[in-house]
Amino acid sequence: MLAQACGIRHARLAAIETGSDVPASDLFCLARMLGVSPDYFFEGLDQGQRPRAAGVSDKEADSFLAFYWAIRDERVRQSIQALVRAAADEGPTI
């Protein structure tokens, strides 16, 4: 519903939620829809710091993204996104 209201795909919204680069227009729309200032999304971040999941090193994240973007077939990348999203939704297994 939020993605649709801003005219973006659900996969794009999921990428934004994980700290992906966000076009200013998307950020502004999301802030407006949520009733917050765009500054809200940057609260608590030091200059140059990027948000990431707890326990994930920059090296690990950068390595994953490098391999991901090396995949030329967009359908394969979308499948990987769906797989990672499903695994994340299930939570950790011990």
Protein backbone atom coordinates (compact mmCIF):
# COMPACT_ATOMS: atom_id res chain seq x y z
CA MET A 1 0.00 0.00 0.00
CA LEU A 2 2.81 2.43 0.90
CA ALA A 3 4.84 1.44 -2.15
CA GLN A 4 1.80 1.82 -4.38
CA ALA A 5 1.01 5.25 -2.94
CA CYS A 6 4.55 6.40 -3.81
CA GLY A 7 4.50 4.76 -7.22
CA ILE A 8 7.33 2.33 -6.48
CA ARG A 9 7.47 -1.46 -6.53
CA HIS A 10 7.33 -3.51 -3.35
CA ALA A 11 10.83 -4.86 -4.06
CA ARG A 12 12.14 -1.29 -4.21
CA LEU A 13 10.51 -0.48 -0.88
CA ALA A 14 12.10 -3.61 0.62
CA ALA A 15 15.49 -2.46 -0.69
CA ILE A 16 14.95 0.96 0.87
CA GLU A 17 14.10 -0.70 4.20
CA THR A 18 17.48 -2.44 4.20
CA GLY A 19 19.45 0.75 3.64
CA SER A 20 19.74 0.78 -0.13
CA ASP A 21 20.37 4.08 -1.89
CA VAL A 22 17.11 5.99 -2.07
CA PRO A 23 16.24 8.55 -4.73
CA ALA A 24 15.29 11.85 -3.09
CA SER A 25 11.83 11.75 -4.68
CA ASP A 26 11.11 8.33 -3.12
CA LEU A 27 12.40 9.48 0.26
CA PHE A 28 10.27 12.61 0.15
CA CYS A 29 7.16 10.63 -0.81
CA LEU A 30 7.73 8.03 1.91
CA ALA A 31 8.25 10.75 4.51
CA ARG A 32 5.08 12.53 3.42
CA MET A 33 3.04 9.31 3.52
CA LEU A 34 4.38 8.47 6.99
CA GLY A 35 3.85 12.01 8.28
CA VAL A 36 7.51 12.64 9.09
CA SER A 37 10.28 14.90 7.82
CA PRO A 38 12.81 13.30 5.43
CA ASP A 39 15.37 14.06 8.17
CA TYR A 40 13.69 11.33 10.22
CA PHE A 41 15.39 8.66 8.12
CA PHE A 42 18.84 9.97 9.03
CA GLU A 43 18.41 10.47 12.77
CA GLY A 44 21.15 8.77 14.76
CA LEU A 45 23.52 8.34 11.82
CA ASP A 46 26.94 9.90 11.86
CA GLN A 47 28.02 11.62 8.68
CA GLY A 48 29.23 8.98 6.23
CA GLN A 49 27.70 6.13 8.20
CA ARG A 50 25.25 3.88 6.42
CA PRO A 51 22.55 1.82 8.10
CA ARG A 52 22.97 -1.96 8.15
CA ALA A 53 21.64 -4.98 9.96
CA ALA A 54 23.10 -5.79 13.36
CA GLY A 55 25.97 -8.25 13.13
CA VAL A 56 26.68 -7.61 9.45
CA SER A 57 30.08 -6.15 8.72
CA ASP A 58 30.63 -3.62 5.95
CA LYS A 59 32.98 -6.12 4.29
CA GLU A 60 30.34 -8.85 4.36
CA ALA A 61 27.63 -6.55 3.02
CA ASP A 62 29.90 -5.12 0.31
CA SER A 63 30.96 -8.60 -0.76
CA PHE A 64 27.35 -9.78 -1.00
CA LEU A 65 26.33 -6.73 -3.01
CA ALA A 66 29.29 -7.07 -5.38
CA PHE A 67 28.32 -10.65 -6.19
CA TYR A 68 24.64 -9.71 -6.45
CA TRP A 69 25.24 -6.87 -8.92
CA ALA A 70 27.55 -9.09 -10.97
CA ILE A 71 24.46 -11.16 -11.89
CA ARG A 72 23.36 -9.85 -15.25
CA ASP A 73 19.96 -11.54 -15.47
CA GLU A 74 17.39 -9.37 -13.68
CA ARG A 75 15.07 -12.37 -13.19
CA VAL A 76 17.82 -14.20 -11.32
CA ARG A 77 18.43 -11.14 -9.12
CA GLN A 78 14.71 -10.93 -8.37
CA SER A 79 14.70 -14.62 -7.44
CA ILE A 80 17.62 -14.05 -5.10
CA GLN A 81 15.79 -11.11 -3.52
CA ALA A 82 12.74 -13.32 -2.95
CA LEU A 83 14.90 -16.08 -1.45
CA VAL A 84 16.71 -13.71 0.90
CA ARG A 85 13.44 -12.01 1.87
CA ALA A 86 11.82 -15.38 2.64
CA ALA A 87 14.82 -16.51 4.66
CA ALA A 88 14.82 -13.24 6.62
CA ASP A 89 11.08 -13.55 7.32
CA GLU A 90 11.62 -16.99 8.82
CA GLY A 91 14.15 -15.62 11.29
CA PRO A 92 17.31 -17.30 12.51
CA THR A 93 17.44 -21.03 12.91
CA ILE A 94 19.59 -22.62 15.58
